[in-house]
């Protein structure tokens, strides 16, 4: 039997070559889900890193500001210490000046009160102050003048514990010595203010009348005469 090839004249069709390139083969939906999770994790990590970087930058700025504030406070503290030292020095100077003034006021007041109560015909040769105790020595033309001086000091309110010392006749008249304490001005002024009506100071008490000077002899009988004791 004879076979005849009827398609012998036809040329086989050649397919055009297809362009070759990288193919993304995710291997199905599971691989695609894994890739998505990786991308999401990378995005979260990037956001977290950016947040940490921002926080770190903010902390650095705050640290720098804190350092600058600390330096400023150190300078302020140093200036405050200097001001405190200057204040302490000024306070010590003021206290010293006040103490010196008080020490100077005492002798001034003592001399002033003694001169106010010193009668005529009496003069002082020496005066000393030791631990608040005043010692006086002088001369007078008569015993009466010495008695008047003693009474003036005792009644002035500025002198306490007036004690008459040795009294004897000399060529000039009478030599005497006495001692007393200084009560200051506050006690006498307060007593005068209380005794006066309306709280006003009472007028100063006039000193005892001065007797005429006598060169010799004892004073006339007097209950307040310290020389008779």
C-alpha atoms as a PDB file:
ATOM      1  CA  UNK A   1       0.000   0.000   0.000  1.00  0.00           C
ATOM      2  CA  UNK A   2       1.308   3.301  -1.031  1.00  0.00           C
ATOM      3  CA  UNK A   3       1.179   6.254   1.488  1.00  0.00           C
ATOM      4  CA  UNK A   4       1.241   9.787   0.241  1.00  0.00           C
ATOM      5  CA  UNK A   5       2.391  12.651   2.465  1.00  0.00           C
ATOM      6  CA  UNK A   6      -0.025  15.418   1.715  1.00  0.00           C
ATOM      7  CA  UNK A   7       1.549  17.945   4.100  1.00  0.00           C
ATOM      8  CA  UNK A   8       5.032  17.609   2.892  1.00  0.00           C
ATOM      9  CA  UNK A   9       5.022  21.041   1.340  1.00  0.00           C
ATOM     10  CA  UNK A  10       4.250  22.862   4.565  1.00  0.00           C
ATOM     11  CA  UNK A  11       7.072  24.401   6.653  1.00  0.00           C
ATOM     12  CA  UNK A  12       6.996  23.896  10.324  1.00  0.00           C
ATOM     13  CA  UNK A  13       6.032  27.023  12.191  1.00  0.00           C
ATOM     14  CA  UNK A  14       8.803  28.485  14.444  1.00  0.00           C
ATOM     15  CA  UNK A  15       7.762  30.328  17.528  1.00  0.00           C
ATOM     16  CA  UNK A  16       9.313  33.729  18.129  1.00  0.00           C
ATOM     17  CA  UNK A  17      11.780  33.716  20.963  1.00  0.00           C
ATOM     18  CA  UNK A  18      10.395  35.320  24.118  1.00  0.00           C
ATOM     19  CA  UNK A  19      12.330  37.922  26.019  1.00  0.00           C
ATOM     20  CA  UNK A  20      14.092  36.466  28.965  1.00  0.00           C
ATOM     21  CA  UNK A  21      14.490  38.388  32.303  1.00  0.00           C
ATOM     22  CA  UNK A  22      14.301  38.054  36.060  1.00  0.00           C
ATOM     23  CA  UNK A  23      11.162  36.482  37.098  1.00  0.00           C
ATOM     24  CA  UNK A  24       9.578  37.145  40.486  1.00  0.00           C
ATOM     25  CA  UNK A  25       8.382  33.933  41.683  1.00  0.00           C
ATOM     26  CA  UNK A  26       7.030  34.237  45.212  1.00  0.00           C
ATOM     27  CA  UNK A  27       6.197  30.679  45.338  1.00  0.00           C
ATOM     28  CA  UNK A  28       2.589  31.255  46.118  1.00  0.00           C
ATOM     29  CA  UNK A  29       0.558  33.151  48.701  1.00  0.00           C
ATOM     30  CA  UNK A  30       2.598  31.978  51.686  1.00  0.00           C
ATOM     31  CA  UNK A  31       5.799  33.466  50.370  1.00  0.00           C
ATOM     32  CA  UNK A  32       3.943  36.651  49.502  1.00  0.00           C
ATOM     33  CA  UNK A  33       2.675  36.913  53.089  1.00  0.00           C
ATOM     34  CA  UNK A  34       6.193  36.367  54.432  1.00  0.00           C
ATOM     35  CA  UNK A  35       7.561  39.102  52.208  1.00  0.00           C
ATOM     36  CA  UNK A  36       4.814  41.447  53.382  1.00  0.00           C
ATOM     37  CA  UNK A  37       5.613  40.720  57.016  1.00  0.00           C
ATOM     38  CA  UNK A  38       9.308  41.388  56.362  1.00  0.00           C
ATOM     39  CA  UNK A  39       8.497  44.697  54.714  1.00  0.00           C
ATOM     40  CA  UNK A  40       6.193  45.638  57.577  1.00  0.00           C
ATOM     41  CA  UNK A  41       8.863  44.706  60.126  1.00  0.00           C
ATOM     42  CA  UNK A  42      11.436  46.787  58.267  1.00  0.00           C
ATOM     43  CA  UNK A  43       9.034  49.747  58.278  1.00  0.00           C
ATOM     44  CA  UNK A  44       8.377  49.368  62.017  1.00  0.00           C
ATOM     45  CA  UNK A  45      12.093  49.055  62.750  1.00  0.00           C
ATOM     46  CA  UNK A  46      12.794  52.151  60.667  1.00  0.00           C
ATOM     47  CA  UNK A  47      10.127  54.130  62.497  1.00  0.00           C
ATOM     48  CA  UNK A  48      11.431  52.934  65.866  1.00  0.00           C
ATOM     49  CA  UNK A  49      15.000  53.853  64.924  1.00  0.00           C
ATOM     50  CA  UNK A  50      13.863  57.312  63.767  1.00  0.00           C
ATOM     51  CA  UNK A  51      11.995  57.801  67.056  1.00  0.00           C
ATOM     52  CA  UNK A  52      15.049  56.765  69.078  1.00  0.00           C
ATOM     53  CA  UNK A  53      17.256  59.053  67.007  1.00  0.00           C
ATOM     54  CA  UNK A  54      14.904  61.974  67.609  1.00  0.00           C
ATOM     55  CA  UNK A  55      14.755  61.212  71.337  1.00  0.00           C
ATOM     56  CA  UNK A  56      18.550  60.965  71.485  1.00  0.00           C
ATOM     57  CA  UNK A  57      18.922  64.326  69.756  1.00  0.00           C
ATOM     58  CA  UNK A  58      16.403  65.876  72.154  1.00  0.00           C
ATOM     59  CA  UNK A  59      18.241  64.402  75.152  1.00  0.00           C
ATOM     60  CA  UNK A  60      21.539  65.769  73.884  1.00  0.00           C
ATOM     61  CA  UNK A  61      20.014  69.235  73.569  1.00  0.00           C
ATOM     62  CA  UNK A  62      18.551  69.030  77.057  1.00  0.00           C
ATOM     63  CA  UNK A  63      21.866  67.809  78.449  1.00  0.00           C
ATOM     64  CA  UNK A  64      23.666  70.722  76.831  1.00  0.00           C
ATOM     65  CA  UNK A  65      21.107  73.164  78.230  1.00  0.00           C
ATOM     66  CA  UNK A  66      21.445  71.577  81.674  1.00  0.00           C
ATOM     67  CA  UNK A  67      25.237  71.951  81.501  1.00  0.00           C
ATOM     68  CA  UNK A  68      24.904  75.613  80.581  1.00  0.00           C
ATOM     69  CA  UNK A  69      22.415  76.173  83.425  1.00  0.00           C
ATOM     70  CA  UNK A  70      24.744  74.388  85.845  1.00  0.00           C
ATOM     71  CA  UNK A  71      27.636  76.629  84.831  1.00  0.00           C
ATOM     72  CA  UNK A  72      25.427  79.686  85.328  1.00  0.00           C
ATOM     73  CA  UNK A  73      24.323  78.486  88.760  1.00  0.00           C
ATOM     74  CA  UNK A  74      27.929  77.831  89.765  1.00  0.00           C
ATOM     75  CA  UNK A  75      28.767  81.442  88.901  1.00  0.00           C
ATOM     76  CA  UNK A  76      25.709  82.672  90.788  1.00  0.00           C
ATOM     77  CA  UNK A  77      26.694  80.595  93.825  1.00  0.00           C
ATOM     78  CA  UNK A  78      30.229  81.960  93.720  1.00  0.00           C
ATOM     79  CA  UNK A  79      28.870  85.528  93.618  1.00  0.00           C
ATOM     80  CA  UNK A  80      26.500  84.719  96.477  1.00  0.00           C
ATOM     81  CA  UNK A  81      29.410  83.410  98.553  1.00  0.00           C
ATOM     82  CA  UNK A  82      31.344  86.598  97.839  1.00  0.00           C
ATOM     83  CA  UNK A  83      28.362  88.745  98.855  1.00  0.00           C
ATOM     84  CA  UNK A  84      27.957  86.680 102.022  1.00  0.00           C
ATOM     85  CA  UNK A  85      31.615  87.135 102.928  1.00  0.00           C
ATOM     86  CA  UNK A  86      31.328  90.887 102.318  1.00  0.00           C
ATOM     87  CA  UNK A  87      28.163  91.003 104.429  1.00  0.00           C
ATOM     88  CA  UNK A  88      29.837  89.115 107.287  1.00  0.00           C
ATOM     89  CA  UNK A  89      32.812  91.480 107.113  1.00  0.00           C
ATOM     90  CA  UNK A  90      30.536  94.520 107.203  1.00  0.00           C
ATOM     91  CA  UNK A  91      28.543  93.080 110.112  1.00  0.00           C
ATOM     92  CA  UNK A  92      31.747  92.487 112.088  1.00  0.00           C
ATOM     93  CA  UNK A  93      32.910  96.037 111.339  1.00  0.00           C
ATOM     94  CA  UNK A  94      29.545  97.479 112.394  1.00  0.00           C
ATOM     95  CA  UNK A  95      29.565  95.439 115.608  1.00  0.00           C
ATOM     96  CA  UNK A  96      33.108  96.572 116.353  1.00  0.00           C
ATOM     97  CA  UNK A  97      32.227 100.218 115.729  1.00  0.00           C
ATOM     98  CA  UNK A  98      29.107  99.892 117.888  1.00  0.00           C
ATOM     99  CA  UNK A  99      31.111  98.304 120.704  1.00  0.00           C
ATOM    100  CA  UNK A 100      33.737 101.055 120.497  1.00  0.00           C
ATOM    101  CA  UNK A 101      31.044 103.722 120.570  1.00  0.00           C
ATOM    102  CA  UNK A 102      29.469 102.127 123.633  1.00  0.00           C
ATOM    103  CA  UNK A 103      32.848 101.985 125.347  1.00  0.00           C
ATOM    104  CA  UNK A 104      33.419 105.644 124.486  1.00  0.00           C
ATOM    105  CA  UNK A 105      29.942 106.683 125.608  1.00  0.00           C
ATOM    106  CA  UNK A 106      30.478 105.275 129.095  1.00  0.00           C
ATOM    107  CA  UNK A 107      33.409 107.501 130.105  1.00  0.00           C
ATOM    108  CA  UNK A 108      31.783 110.482 128.394  1.00  0.00           C
ATOM    109  CA  UNK A 109      28.559 110.042 130.387  1.00  0.00           C
ATOM    110  CA  UNK A 110      30.510 109.478 133.590  1.00  0.00           C
ATOM    111  CA  UNK A 111      32.527 112.661 133.129  1.00  0.00           C
ATOM    112  CA  UNK A 112      29.409 114.602 132.187  1.00  0.00           C
ATOM    113  CA  UNK A 113      27.445 113.465 135.250  1.00  0.00           C
ATOM    114  CA  UNK A 114      30.368 114.023 137.601  1.00  0.00           C
ATOM    115  CA  UNK A 115      30.870 117.536 136.251  1.00  0.00           C
ATOM    116  CA  UNK A 116      27.127 118.231 136.633  1.00  0.00           C
ATOM    117  CA  UNK A 117      27.185 117.143 140.282  1.00  0.00           C
ATOM    118  CA  UNK A 118      30.518 118.729 141.174  1.00  0.00           C
ATOM    119  CA  UNK A 119      29.776 121.703 143.468  1.00  0.00           C
ATOM    120  CA  UNK A 120      31.753 124.870 143.783  1.00  0.00           C
ATOM    121  CA  UNK A 121      34.944 124.884 145.807  1.00  0.00           C
ATOM    122  CA  UNK A 122      35.579 121.205 144.952  1.00  0.00           C
ATOM    123  CA  UNK A 123      38.074 119.981 142.376  1.00  0.00           C
ATOM    124  CA  UNK A 124      39.240 116.526 141.399  1.00  0.00           C
ATOM    125  CA  UNK A 125      42.841 115.406 141.208  1.00  0.00           C
ATOM    126  CA  UNK A 126      42.379 111.839 139.947  1.00  0.00           C
ATOM    127  CA  UNK A 127      39.593 109.660 138.605  1.00  0.00           C
ATOM    128  CA  UNK A 128      39.740 105.986 137.666  1.00  0.00           C
ATOM    129  CA  UNK A 129      37.292 103.411 136.329  1.00  0.00           C
ATOM    130  CA  UNK A 130      37.872  99.716 136.865  1.00  0.00           C
ATOM    131  CA  UNK A 131      35.209  97.063 136.152  1.00  0.00           C
ATOM    132  CA  UNK A 132      32.426  99.616 136.454  1.00  0.00           C
ATOM    133  CA  UNK A 133      33.713 100.959 139.785  1.00  0.00           C
ATOM    134  CA  UNK A 134      34.639 104.648 139.846  1.00  0.00           C
ATOM    135  CA  UNK A 135      37.265 105.984 142.249  1.00  0.00           C
ATOM    136  CA  UNK A 136      37.610 109.743 142.794  1.00  0.00           C
ATOM    137  CA  UNK A 137      40.142 111.769 144.728  1.00  0.00           C
ATOM    138  CA  UNK A 138      40.372 115.510 145.083  1.00  0.00           C
ATOM    139  CA  UNK A 139      40.342 118.537 147.343  1.00  0.00           C
ATOM    140  CA  UNK A 140      37.816 121.026 148.621  1.00  0.00           C
ATOM    141  CA  UNK A 141      37.898 124.223 150.588  1.00  0.00           C
ATOM    142  CA  UNK A 142      35.738 122.770 153.393  1.00  0.00           C
ATOM    143  CA  UNK A 143      34.114 119.649 154.752  1.00  0.00           C
ATOM    144  CA  UNK A 144      30.715 121.048 153.768  1.00  0.00           C
ATOM    145  CA  UNK A 145      31.747 121.140 150.118  1.00  0.00           C
ATOM    146  CA  UNK A 146      32.805 117.482 150.272  1.00  0.00           C
ATOM    147  CA  UNK A 147      29.473 116.583 151.893  1.00  0.00           C
ATOM    148  CA  UNK A 148      27.584 118.454 149.182  1.00  0.00           C
ATOM    149  CA  UNK A 149      29.484 116.568 146.471  1.00  0.00           C
ATOM    150  CA  UNK A 150      28.713 113.243 148.177  1.00  0.00           C
ATOM    151  CA  UNK A 151      24.993 114.059 148.447  1.00  0.00           C
ATOM    152  CA  UNK A 152      24.812 115.243 144.844  1.00  0.00           C
ATOM    153  CA  UNK A 153      26.248 111.962 143.576  1.00  0.00           C
ATOM    154  CA  UNK A 154      24.026 109.829 145.820  1.00  0.00           C
ATOM    155  CA  UNK A 155      20.830 111.694 144.849  1.00  0.00           C
ATOM    156  CA  UNK A 156      21.538 112.065 141.128  1.00  0.00           C
ATOM    157  CA  UNK A 157      20.229 108.601 140.239  1.00  0.00           C
ATOM    158  CA  UNK A 158      23.221 107.961 137.971  1.00  0.00           C
ATOM    159  CA  UNK A 159      25.580 106.666 140.640  1.00  0.00           C
ATOM    160  CA  UNK A 160      25.133 103.700 142.966  1.00  0.00           C
ATOM    161  CA  UNK A 161      26.813 102.627 146.189  1.00  0.00           C
ATOM    162  CA  UNK A 162      28.485 105.967 146.796  1.00  0.00           C
ATOM    163  CA  UNK A 163      31.040 105.357 149.537  1.00  0.00           C
ATOM    164  CA  UNK A 164      33.102 108.034 151.206  1.00  0.00           C
ATOM    165  CA  UNK A 165      36.754 107.232 151.712  1.00  0.00           C
ATOM    166  CA  UNK A 166      39.402 109.009 153.696  1.00  0.00           C
ATOM    167  CA  UNK A 167      38.842 112.716 154.459  1.00  0.00           C
ATOM    168  CA  UNK A 168      41.500 114.789 156.138  1.00  0.00           C
ATOM    169  CA  UNK A 169      42.658 118.384 156.398  1.00  0.00           C
ATOM    170  CA  UNK A 170      45.466 119.638 154.160  1.00  0.00           C
ATOM    171  CA  UNK A 171      47.073 122.972 153.444  1.00  0.00           C
ATOM    172  CA  UNK A 172      44.597 123.763 150.631  1.00  0.00           C
ATOM    173  CA  UNK A 173      41.569 122.834 152.796  1.00  0.00           C
ATOM    174  CA  UNK A 174      40.300 119.236 152.772  1.00  0.00           C
ATOM    175  CA  UNK A 175      41.503 116.196 150.850  1.00  0.00           C
ATOM    176  CA  UNK A 176      39.008 113.440 150.175  1.00  0.00           C
ATOM    177  CA  UNK A 177      38.460 110.216 148.265  1.00  0.00           C
ATOM    178  CA  UNK A 178      35.296 108.306 147.426  1.00  0.00           C
ATOM    179  CA  UNK A 179      34.114 105.441 145.240  1.00  0.00           C
ATOM    180  CA  UNK A 180      30.843 104.615 143.492  1.00  0.00           C
ATOM    181  CA  UNK A 181      29.305 102.660 140.645  1.00  0.00           C
ATOM    182  CA  UNK A 182      27.775 104.148 137.510  1.00  0.00           C
ATOM    183  CA  UNK A 183      24.094 103.265 137.090  1.00  0.00           C
ATOM    184  CA  UNK A 184      23.827 104.865 133.636  1.00  0.00           C
ATOM    185  CA  UNK A 185      21.148 107.132 132.242  1.00  0.00           C
ATOM    186  CA  UNK A 186      18.313 104.637 131.675  1.00  0.00           C
ATOM    187  CA  UNK A 187      17.422 103.984 135.288  1.00  0.00           C
ATOM    188  CA  UNK A 188      17.273 107.619 136.332  1.00  0.00           C
ATOM    189  CA  UNK A 189      15.288 108.701 133.256  1.00  0.00           C
ATOM    190  CA  UNK A 190      12.768 105.857 133.709  1.00  0.00           C
ATOM    191  CA  UNK A 191      12.279 106.696 137.368  1.00  0.00           C
ATOM    192  CA  UNK A 192      11.725 110.370 136.534  1.00  0.00           C
ATOM    193  CA  UNK A 193       9.235 109.478 133.792  1.00  0.00           C
ATOM    194  CA  UNK A 194       7.198 107.239 136.147  1.00  0.00           C
ATOM    195  CA  UNK A 195       7.076 109.833 138.900  1.00  0.00           C
ATOM    196  CA  UNK A 196       5.855 112.594 136.584  1.00  0.00           C
ATOM    197  CA  UNK A 197       2.096 112.919 135.759  1.00  0.00           C
ATOM    198  CA  UNK A 198       1.055 112.054 132.212  1.00  0.00           C
ATOM    199  CA  UNK A 199       4.217 110.048 131.585  1.00  0.00           C
ATOM    200  CA  UNK A 200       6.332 113.183 131.151  1.00  0.00           C
ATOM    201  CA  UNK A 201       9.704 113.339 132.863  1.00  0.00           C
ATOM    202  CA  UNK A 202       9.645 115.095 136.185  1.00  0.00           C
ATOM    203  CA  UNK A 203      11.781 118.187 136.503  1.00  0.00           C
ATOM    204  CA  UNK A 204      15.306 117.538 137.637  1.00  0.00           C
ATOM    205  CA  UNK A 205      15.850 117.708 141.321  1.00  0.00           C
ATOM    206  CA  UNK A 206      17.797 120.758 142.348  1.00  0.00           C
ATOM    207  CA  UNK A 207      21.014 120.072 144.217  1.00  0.00           C
ATOM    208  CA  UNK A 208      21.234 120.906 147.863  1.00  0.00           C
ATOM    209  CA  UNK A 209      22.033 124.475 148.688  1.00  0.00           C
ATOM    210  CA  UNK A 210      25.743 125.054 148.827  1.00  0.00           C
ATOM    211  CA  UNK A 211      27.086 126.305 152.091  1.00  0.00           C
ATOM    212  CA  UNK A 212      29.692 128.949 152.356  1.00  0.00           C
ATOM    213  CA  UNK A 213      33.227 127.642 152.176  1.00  0.00           C
ATOM    214  CA  UNK A 214      35.125 127.243 155.376  1.00  0.00           C
ATOM    215  CA  UNK A 215      38.846 126.566 155.376  1.00  0.00           C
ATOM    216  CA  UNK A 216      38.759 124.418 158.531  1.00  0.00           C
ATOM    217  CA  UNK A 217      36.351 122.681 160.838  1.00  0.00           C
ATOM    218  CA  UNK A 218      33.644 120.039 160.536  1.00  0.00           C
ATOM    219  CA  UNK A 219      30.292 120.734 158.906  1.00  0.00           C
ATOM    220  CA  UNK A 220      27.218 121.595 160.944  1.00  0.00           C
ATOM    221  CA  UNK A 221      25.060 118.757 162.248  1.00  0.00           C
ATOM    222  CA  UNK A 222      23.418 116.967 159.304  1.00  0.00           C
ATOM    223  CA  UNK A 223      21.815 113.533 159.268  1.00  0.00           C
ATOM    224  CA  UNK A 224      23.040 112.890 155.676  1.00  0.00           C
ATOM    225  CA  UNK A 225      26.598 113.887 156.402  1.00  0.00           C
ATOM    226  CA  UNK A 226      28.836 110.938 155.398  1.00  0.00           C
ATOM    227  CA  UNK A 227      31.828 112.386 157.155  1.00  0.00           C
ATOM    228  CA  UNK A 228      30.384 111.777 160.632  1.00  0.00           C
ATOM    229  CA  UNK A 229      30.438 107.985 160.190  1.00  0.00           C
END
